[in-house]
Amino acid sequence: MLGIIVAAHGEMPRGLIETSKMIVGRAEKIAAVELLEGEGPESLRDKLKKAVESLDSGEGVMVLLDLYGGTPSNVSALLARELNIEVVSGVNLPMLLEIIVKRASKNLKELRQVAIYAGREGIRSINEIVEKIESEIKEQSQKPT
């Protein structure tokens, strides 16, 4: 089974993983790697490399990041050259849940596409959805029967 790492600034990774447990239950082979205040790139590199090595059973590891261009992103980009990892930035809960659910049936490159799609699709304007439904209901009620 592919490993998953959520790497981000502060305590965000742990929060996302704990929240995912509320929805899909406890997941195996998943780790939070946090860049805490005062830590530098070398410290993060050591933590990320150790997490990848502990989770990789030969199939690779998906690394989900908070922010493109930040320290976790830059460190992961360098590690991607030496480790079997796919790195996707912009992690959100829909992305993480989809990766957890689909990782058993996808390879690492396929999972990258799943992550990108789920992350984008998870961004919605609830107001727009409600307005559209209300508009459709209004149109239906005005049609002659």
N, C-alpha and C. Protein backbone atom coordinates (compact mmCIF):
# COMPACT_ATOMS: atom_id res chain seq x y z
N MET A 1 0.84 -1.18 0.00
CA MET A 1 0.00 0.00 0.00
C MET A 1 0.89 1.25 0.00
N LEU A 2 0.52 2.20 -0.82
CA LEU A 2 1.27 3.46 -0.91
C LEU A 2 1.17 4.24 0.39
N GLY A 3 2.27 4.84 0.78
CA GLY A 3 2.28 5.69 1.96
C GLY A 3 1.84 7.10 1.61
N ILE A 4 1.37 7.81 2.61
CA ILE A 4 0.93 9.19 2.44
C ILE A 4 1.60 10.05 3.51
N ILE A 5 2.13 11.18 3.08
CA ILE A 5 2.67 12.17 4.01
C ILE A 5 1.96 13.48 3.76
N VAL A 6 1.48 14.10 4.83
CA VAL A 6 0.98 15.47 4.74
C VAL A 6 2.05 16.33 5.39
N ALA A 7 2.65 17.22 4.61
CA ALA A 7 3.73 18.08 5.10
C ALA A 7 3.32 19.53 4.91
N ALA A 8 3.44 20.30 6.00
CA ALA A 8 2.99 21.69 5.93
C ALA A 8 3.56 22.49 7.08
N HIS A 9 3.32 23.78 7.02
CA HIS A 9 3.72 24.69 8.09
C HIS A 9 2.81 24.48 9.31
N GLY A 10 3.38 24.51 10.48
CA GLY A 10 2.61 24.42 11.71
C GLY A 10 1.98 23.06 11.92
N GLU A 11 0.85 23.06 12.60
CA GLU A 11 0.19 21.81 12.99
C GLU A 11 -0.87 21.35 12.00
N MET A 12 -0.94 22.00 10.86
CA MET A 12 -1.93 21.65 9.84
C MET A 12 -1.92 20.17 9.46
N PRO A 13 -0.75 19.57 9.22
CA PRO A 13 -0.76 18.15 8.81
C PRO A 13 -1.46 17.23 9.81
N ARG A 14 -1.16 17.39 11.07
CA ARG A 14 -1.78 16.55 12.10
C ARG A 14 -3.29 16.79 12.13
N GLY A 15 -3.70 18.06 12.00
CA GLY A 15 -5.12 18.38 12.01
C GLY A 15 -5.88 17.74 10.85
N LEU A 16 -5.30 17.80 9.66
CA LEU A 16 -5.96 17.17 8.50
C LEU A 16 -6.08 15.66 8.67
N ILE A 17 -5.02 15.05 9.16
CA ILE A 17 -5.05 13.59 9.34
C ILE A 17 -6.07 13.20 10.40
N GLU A 18 -6.10 13.92 11.51
CA GLU A 18 -7.07 13.62 12.57
C GLU A 18 -8.50 13.82 12.06
N THR A 19 -8.72 14.86 11.28
CA THR A 19 -10.05 15.10 10.72
C THR A 19 -10.44 14.00 9.75
N SER A 20 -9.49 13.53 8.95
CA SER A 20 -9.80 12.45 8.00
C SER A 20 -10.25 11.19 8.73
N LYS A 21 -9.70 10.95 9.92
CA LYS A 21 -10.09 9.77 10.71
C LYS A 21 -11.56 9.82 11.11
N MET A 22 -12.07 11.02 11.33
CA MET A 22 -13.49 11.17 11.68
C MET A 22 -14.40 10.73 10.54
N ILE A 23 -13.90 10.83 9.31
CA ILE A 23 -14.73 10.56 8.13
C ILE A 23 -14.51 9.17 7.58
N VAL A 24 -13.26 8.74 7.43
CA VAL A 24 -12.99 7.43 6.82
C VAL A 24 -12.38 6.43 7.78
N GLY A 25 -12.20 6.82 9.02
CA GLY A 25 -11.59 5.91 9.99
C GLY A 25 -10.08 5.99 9.95
N ARG A 26 -9.46 5.23 10.82
CA ARG A 26 -8.00 5.24 10.91
C ARG A 26 -7.39 4.66 9.64
N ALA A 27 -6.41 5.36 9.12
CA ALA A 27 -5.71 4.91 7.91
C ALA A 27 -4.31 4.48 8.27
N GLU A 28 -3.84 3.44 7.61
CA GLU A 28 -2.47 2.96 7.81
C GLU A 28 -1.52 3.72 6.89
N LYS A 29 -0.25 3.70 7.26
CA LYS A 29 0.82 4.25 6.43
C LYS A 29 0.56 5.70 6.04
N ILE A 30 0.28 6.52 7.04
CA ILE A 30 0.09 7.94 6.82
C ILE A 30 0.82 8.69 7.93
N ALA A 31 1.48 9.79 7.56
CA ALA A 31 2.26 10.52 8.55
C ALA A 31 2.14 12.03 8.34
N ALA A 32 2.22 12.74 9.44
CA ALA A 32 2.25 14.20 9.42
C ALA A 32 3.69 14.65 9.59
N VAL A 33 4.12 15.55 8.74
CA VAL A 33 5.45 16.16 8.88
C VAL A 33 5.22 17.66 8.98
N GLU A 34 5.53 18.19 10.15
CA GLU A 34 5.26 19.59 10.43
C GLU A 34 6.54 20.42 10.42
N LEU A 35 6.48 21.57 9.77
CA LEU A 35 7.56 22.54 9.84
C LEU A 35 7.16 23.53 10.93
N LEU A 36 7.79 23.41 12.06
CA LEU A 36 7.44 24.24 13.21
C LEU A 36 8.26 25.51 13.23
N GLU A 37 7.76 26.51 13.93
CA GLU A 37 8.45 27.79 14.03
C GLU A 37 9.87 27.58 14.55
N GLY A 38 10.80 28.19 13.88
CA GLY A 38 12.20 28.09 14.27
C GLY A 38 12.96 26.96 13.59
N GLU A 39 12.25 26.06 12.94
CA GLU A 39 12.92 24.97 12.22
C GLU A 39 13.32 25.45 10.82
N GLY A 40 14.40 24.90 10.33
CA GLY A 40 14.87 25.27 9.00
C GLY A 40 14.71 24.13 8.01
N PRO A 41 15.13 24.38 6.78
CA PRO A 41 15.00 23.38 5.72
C PRO A 41 15.71 22.05 6.03
N GLU A 42 16.87 22.09 6.66
CA GLU A 42 17.60 20.85 6.95
C GLU A 42 16.84 19.96 7.92
N SER A 43 16.26 20.57 8.93
CA SER A 43 15.46 19.82 9.90
C SER A 43 14.26 19.18 9.21
N LEU A 44 13.60 19.97 8.37
CA LEU A 44 12.45 19.44 7.64
C LEU A 44 12.87 18.33 6.69
N ARG A 45 13.99 18.50 6.02
CA ARG A 45 14.49 17.47 5.10
C ARG A 45 14.70 16.16 5.84
N ASP A 46 15.31 16.23 7.01
CA ASP A 46 15.55 15.02 7.80
C ASP A 46 14.24 14.35 8.18
N LYS A 47 13.26 15.15 8.62
CA LYS A 47 11.97 14.58 9.02
C LYS A 47 11.24 13.97 7.83
N LEU A 48 11.26 14.66 6.69
CA LEU A 48 10.59 14.14 5.50
C LEU A 48 11.24 12.86 5.00
N LYS A 49 12.56 12.87 4.94
CA LYS A 49 13.27 11.69 4.45
C LYS A 49 13.00 10.48 5.36
N LYS A 50 13.04 10.70 6.65
CA LYS A 50 12.76 9.62 7.60
C LYS A 50 11.33 9.10 7.44
N ALA A 51 10.38 10.00 7.26
CA ALA A 51 8.99 9.59 7.08
C ALA A 51 8.82 8.79 5.79
N VAL A 52 9.43 9.25 4.71
CA VAL A 52 9.33 8.52 3.43
C VAL A 52 9.92 7.13 3.58
N GLU A 53 11.10 7.05 4.17
CA GLU A 53 11.75 5.75 4.32
C GLU A 53 10.94 4.80 5.19
N SER A 54 10.23 5.31 6.18
CA SER A 54 9.44 4.44 7.05
C SER A 54 8.13 4.00 6.39
N LEU A 55 7.63 4.78 5.42
CA LEU A 55 6.35 4.47 4.79
C LEU A 55 6.47 3.76 3.45
N ASP A 56 7.61 3.85 2.81
CA ASP A 56 7.75 3.30 1.46
C ASP A 56 8.04 1.80 1.51
N SER A 57 7.06 1.03 1.03
CA SER A 57 7.24 -0.42 0.96
C SER A 57 7.65 -0.85 -0.45
N GLY A 58 8.09 0.11 -1.24
CA GLY A 58 8.52 -0.19 -2.61
C GLY A 58 7.61 0.40 -3.66
N GLU A 59 6.41 0.81 -3.27
CA GLU A 59 5.45 1.37 -4.22
C GLU A 59 5.54 2.89 -4.29
N GLY A 60 6.21 3.50 -3.34
CA GLY A 60 6.34 4.95 -3.32
C GLY A 60 5.48 5.60 -2.26
N VAL A 61 5.61 6.91 -2.18
CA VAL A 61 4.88 7.69 -1.17
C VAL A 61 4.33 8.95 -1.82
N MET A 62 3.09 9.25 -1.51
CA MET A 62 2.46 10.49 -1.96
C MET A 62 2.69 11.54 -0.89
N VAL A 63 3.26 12.68 -1.27
CA VAL A 63 3.50 13.78 -0.34
C VAL A 63 2.56 14.91 -0.70
N LEU A 64 1.70 15.26 0.22
CA LEU A 64 0.74 16.34 0.02
C LEU A 64 1.19 17.55 0.83
N LEU A 65 1.31 18.70 0.17
CA LEU A 65 1.85 19.91 0.78
C LEU A 65 0.80 21.01 0.88
N ASP A 66 1.05 21.93 1.80
CA ASP A 66 0.14 23.04 1.96
C ASP A 66 0.29 24.10 0.87
N LEU A 67 1.51 24.45 0.51
CA LEU A 67 1.76 25.65 -0.26
C LEU A 67 2.88 25.45 -1.27
N TYR A 68 2.61 25.73 -2.52
CA TYR A 68 3.65 25.67 -3.53
C TYR A 68 4.64 26.81 -3.29
N GLY A 69 5.92 26.49 -3.31
CA GLY A 69 6.96 27.49 -3.17
C GLY A 69 7.43 27.73 -1.75
N GLY A 70 6.76 27.13 -0.77
CA GLY A 70 7.18 27.27 0.62
C GLY A 70 8.29 26.28 0.93
N THR A 71 8.78 26.32 2.14
CA THR A 71 9.87 25.43 2.54
C THR A 71 9.52 23.95 2.34
N PRO A 72 8.33 23.48 2.78
CA PRO A 72 8.02 22.06 2.53
C PRO A 72 8.03 21.71 1.03
N SER A 73 7.58 22.62 0.20
CA SER A 73 7.58 22.41 -1.24
C SER A 73 9.00 22.34 -1.79
N ASN A 74 9.81 23.27 -1.40
CA ASN A 74 11.19 23.32 -1.90
C ASN A 74 11.99 22.10 -1.46
N VAL A 75 11.84 21.72 -0.21
CA VAL A 75 12.55 20.55 0.31
C VAL A 75 12.05 19.28 -0.39
N SER A 76 10.75 19.17 -0.57
CA SER A 76 10.18 17.99 -1.24
C SER A 76 10.64 17.89 -2.69
N ALA A 77 10.76 19.03 -3.35
CA ALA A 77 11.23 19.02 -4.75
C ALA A 77 12.62 18.43 -4.84
N LEU A 78 13.48 18.77 -3.90
CA LEU A 78 14.83 18.21 -3.89
C LEU A 78 14.80 16.71 -3.56
N LEU A 79 13.97 16.32 -2.62
CA LEU A 79 13.89 14.90 -2.25
C LEU A 79 13.29 14.05 -3.37
N ALA A 80 12.44 14.65 -4.19
CA ALA A 80 11.82 13.91 -5.30
C ALA A 80 12.85 13.42 -6.30
N ARG A 81 14.00 14.04 -6.30
CA ARG A 81 15.05 13.62 -7.21
C ARG A 81 15.76 12.36 -6.74
N GLU A 82 15.65 12.06 -5.44
CA GLU A 82 16.35 10.89 -4.91
C GLU A 82 15.44 9.82 -4.32
N LEU A 83 14.19 10.16 -4.07
CA LEU A 83 13.26 9.20 -3.47
C LEU A 83 12.08 8.95 -4.40
N ASN A 84 11.39 7.83 -4.19
CA ASN A 84 10.22 7.48 -4.99
C ASN A 84 8.98 8.14 -4.39
N ILE A 85 8.84 9.45 -4.68
CA ILE A 85 7.71 10.20 -4.16
C ILE A 85 7.06 11.01 -5.27
N GLU A 86 5.78 11.24 -5.11
CA GLU A 86 5.03 12.20 -5.93
C GLU A 86 4.63 13.30 -4.98
N VAL A 87 4.77 14.54 -5.39
CA VAL A 87 4.52 15.68 -4.53
C VAL A 87 3.45 16.57 -5.15
N VAL A 88 2.40 16.86 -4.38
CA VAL A 88 1.30 17.70 -4.84
C VAL A 88 1.05 18.77 -3.78
N SER A 89 1.00 20.02 -4.21
CA SER A 89 0.74 21.10 -3.26
C SER A 89 -0.75 21.46 -3.26
N GLY A 90 -1.14 22.25 -2.27
CA GLY A 90 -2.53 22.70 -2.16
C GLY A 90 -3.41 21.70 -1.44
N VAL A 91 -2.86 20.95 -0.52
CA VAL A 91 -3.63 19.91 0.16
C VAL A 91 -4.87 20.50 0.82
N ASN A 92 -5.96 19.77 0.68
CA ASN A 92 -7.19 20.09 1.40
C ASN A 92 -7.83 18.76 1.81
N LEU A 93 -8.86 18.82 2.61
CA LEU A 93 -9.46 17.59 3.13
C LEU A 93 -10.03 16.70 2.01
N PRO A 94 -10.74 17.23 1.01
CA PRO A 94 -11.22 16.36 -0.06
C PRO A 94 -10.07 15.61 -0.76
N MET A 95 -8.95 16.28 -0.97
CA MET A 95 -7.80 15.65 -1.61
C MET A 95 -7.29 14.50 -0.75
N LEU A 96 -7.09 14.76 0.53
CA LEU A 96 -6.57 13.74 1.43
C LEU A 96 -7.51 12.54 1.50
N LEU A 97 -8.80 12.78 1.64
CA LEU A 97 -9.76 11.68 1.73
C LEU A 97 -9.74 10.82 0.47
N GLU A 98 -9.71 11.45 -0.68
CA GLU A 98 -9.71 10.71 -1.94
C GLU A 98 -8.44 9.86 -2.08
N ILE A 99 -7.31 10.39 -1.66
CA ILE A 99 -6.06 9.65 -1.71
C ILE A 99 -6.12 8.44 -0.78
N ILE A 100 -6.63 8.65 0.41
CA ILE A 100 -6.75 7.54 1.36
C ILE A 100 -7.62 6.43 0.79
N VAL A 101 -8.74 6.80 0.22
CA VAL A 101 -9.70 5.82 -0.28
C VAL A 101 -9.21 5.11 -1.54
N LYS A 102 -8.53 5.81 -2.42
CA LYS A 102 -8.17 5.24 -3.73
C LYS A 102 -6.75 4.70 -3.84
N ARG A 103 -5.94 4.87 -2.83
CA ARG A 103 -4.53 4.49 -2.98
C ARG A 103 -4.31 2.99 -3.17
N ALA A 104 -5.22 2.16 -2.71
CA ALA A 104 -5.04 0.71 -2.87
C ALA A 104 -5.22 0.27 -4.33
N SER A 105 -5.94 1.06 -5.12
CA SER A 105 -6.22 0.65 -6.50
C SER A 105 -5.48 1.49 -7.55
N LYS A 106 -4.59 2.37 -7.13
CA LYS A 106 -3.88 3.24 -8.06
C LYS A 106 -2.38 3.16 -7.83
N ASN A 107 -1.62 3.39 -8.90
CA ASN A 107 -0.18 3.52 -8.72
C ASN A 107 0.14 4.98 -8.37
N LEU A 108 1.38 5.25 -8.10
CA LEU A 108 1.77 6.57 -7.60
C LEU A 108 1.46 7.69 -8.59
N LYS A 109 1.72 7.49 -9.86
CA LYS A 109 1.45 8.53 -10.86
C LYS A 109 -0.06 8.75 -11.03
N GLU A 110 -0.83 7.67 -11.01
CA GLU A 110 -2.29 7.80 -11.10
C GLU A 110 -2.83 8.55 -9.88
N LEU A 111 -2.26 8.28 -8.74
CA LEU A 111 -2.69 8.92 -7.50
C LEU A 111 -2.41 10.42 -7.54
N ARG A 112 -1.35 10.80 -8.21
CA ARG A 112 -1.06 12.23 -8.37
C ARG A 112 -2.23 12.93 -9.06
N GLN A 113 -2.74 12.32 -10.12
CA GLN A 113 -3.87 12.92 -10.85
C GLN A 113 -5.13 12.92 -10.00
N VAL A 114 -5.34 11.86 -9.23
CA VAL A 114 -6.49 11.81 -8.32
C VAL A 114 -6.41 12.96 -7.32
N ALA A 115 -5.22 13.19 -6.77
CA ALA A 115 -5.04 14.26 -5.79
C ALA A 115 -5.37 15.62 -6.39
N ILE A 116 -4.85 15.89 -7.56
CA ILE A 116 -5.07 17.19 -8.20
C ILE A 116 -6.56 17.39 -8.49
N TYR A 117 -7.20 16.38 -9.05
CA TYR A 117 -8.62 16.49 -9.39
C TYR A 117 -9.47 16.67 -8.13
N ALA A 118 -9.24 15.85 -7.13
CA ALA A 118 -10.04 15.93 -5.90
C ALA A 118 -9.84 17.26 -5.18
N GLY A 119 -8.60 17.74 -5.18
CA GLY A 119 -8.34 19.03 -4.55
C GLY A 119 -9.11 20.15 -5.22
N ARG A 120 -9.10 20.16 -6.54
CA ARG A 120 -9.83 21.20 -7.28
C ARG A 120 -11.34 21.07 -7.11
N GLU A 121 -11.83 19.85 -7.21
CA GLU A 121 -13.27 19.62 -7.12
C GLU A 121 -13.81 19.90 -5.71
N GLY A 122 -12.94 19.86 -4.73
CA GLY A 122 -13.37 20.12 -3.35
C GLY A 122 -13.60 21.59 -3.06
N ILE A 123 -13.23 22.45 -4.00
CA ILE A 123 -13.42 23.89 -3.81
C ILE A 123 -14.73 24.29 -4.47
N ARG A 124 -15.67 24.68 -3.67
CA ARG A 124 -17.02 25.03 -4.15
C ARG A 124 -17.53 26.27 -3.45
N SER A 125 -18.36 27.02 -4.15
CA SER A 125 -19.10 28.11 -3.53
C SER A 125 -20.47 27.57 -3.16
N ILE A 126 -20.71 27.41 -1.88
CA ILE A 126 -22.00 26.91 -1.42
C ILE A 126 -23.11 27.89 -1.80
N ASN A 127 -22.81 29.19 -1.73
CA ASN A 127 -23.80 30.19 -2.11
C ASN A 127 -24.24 30.01 -3.56
N GLU A 128 -23.28 29.80 -4.46
CA GLU A 128 -23.63 29.60 -5.87
C GLU A 128 -24.50 28.36 -6.07
N ILE A 129 -24.19 27.31 -5.36
CA ILE A 129 -24.97 26.07 -5.47
C ILE A 129 -26.41 26.30 -5.01
N VAL A 130 -26.56 26.96 -3.86
CA VAL A 130 -27.89 27.24 -3.32
C VAL A 130 -28.66 28.16 -4.27
N GLU A 131 -27.99 29.19 -4.78
CA GLU A 131 -28.65 30.11 -5.71
C GLU A 131 -29.12 29.39 -6.96
N LYS A 132 -28.33 28.46 -7.47
CA LYS A 132 -28.71 27.71 -8.66
C LYS A 132 -29.93 26.83 -8.38
N ILE A 133 -29.92 26.16 -7.25
CA ILE A 133 -31.06 25.31 -6.88
C ILE A 133 -32.32 26.15 -6.72
N GLU A 134 -32.18 27.28 -6.03
CA GLU A 134 -33.34 28.16 -5.84
C GLU A 134 -33.87 28.66 -7.17
N SER A 135 -32.98 28.99 -8.11
CA SER A 135 -33.39 29.45 -9.42
C SER A 135 -34.12 28.35 -10.18
N GLU A 136 -33.61 27.12 -10.10
CA GLU A 136 -34.27 25.99 -10.77
C GLU A 136 -35.64 25.71 -10.18
N ILE A 137 -35.75 25.81 -8.87
CA ILE A 137 -37.05 25.60 -8.21
C ILE A 137 -38.04 26.67 -8.66
N LYS A 138 -37.56 27.90 -8.72
CA LYS A 138 -38.43 29.02 -9.15
C LYS A 138 -38.90 28.81 -10.58
N GLU A 139 -37.99 28.40 -11.48
CA GLU A 139 -38.36 28.15 -12.87
C GLU A 139 -39.38 27.04 -12.98
N GLN A 140 -39.19 25.97 -12.20
CA GLN A 140 -40.14 24.84 -12.24
C GLN A 140 -41.51 25.26 -11.74
N SER A 141 -41.55 26.10 -10.73
CA SER A 141 -42.85 26.51 -10.17
C SER A 141 -43.59 27.47 -11.09
N GLN A 142 -42.89 28.12 -12.00
CA GLN A 142 -43.52 29.07 -12.92
C GLN A 142 -43.96 28.43 -14.22
N LYS A 143 -43.58 27.18 -14.46
CA LYS A 143 -43.99 26.49 -15.69
C LYS A 143 -45.43 26.05 -15.55
N PRO A 144 -46.19 26.21 -16.65
CA PRO A 144 -47.57 25.74 -16.59
C PRO A 144 -47.60 24.21 -16.53
N THR A 145 -48.56 23.70 -15.79
CA THR A 145 -48.66 22.24 -15.64
C THR A 145 -49.73 21.66 -16.50
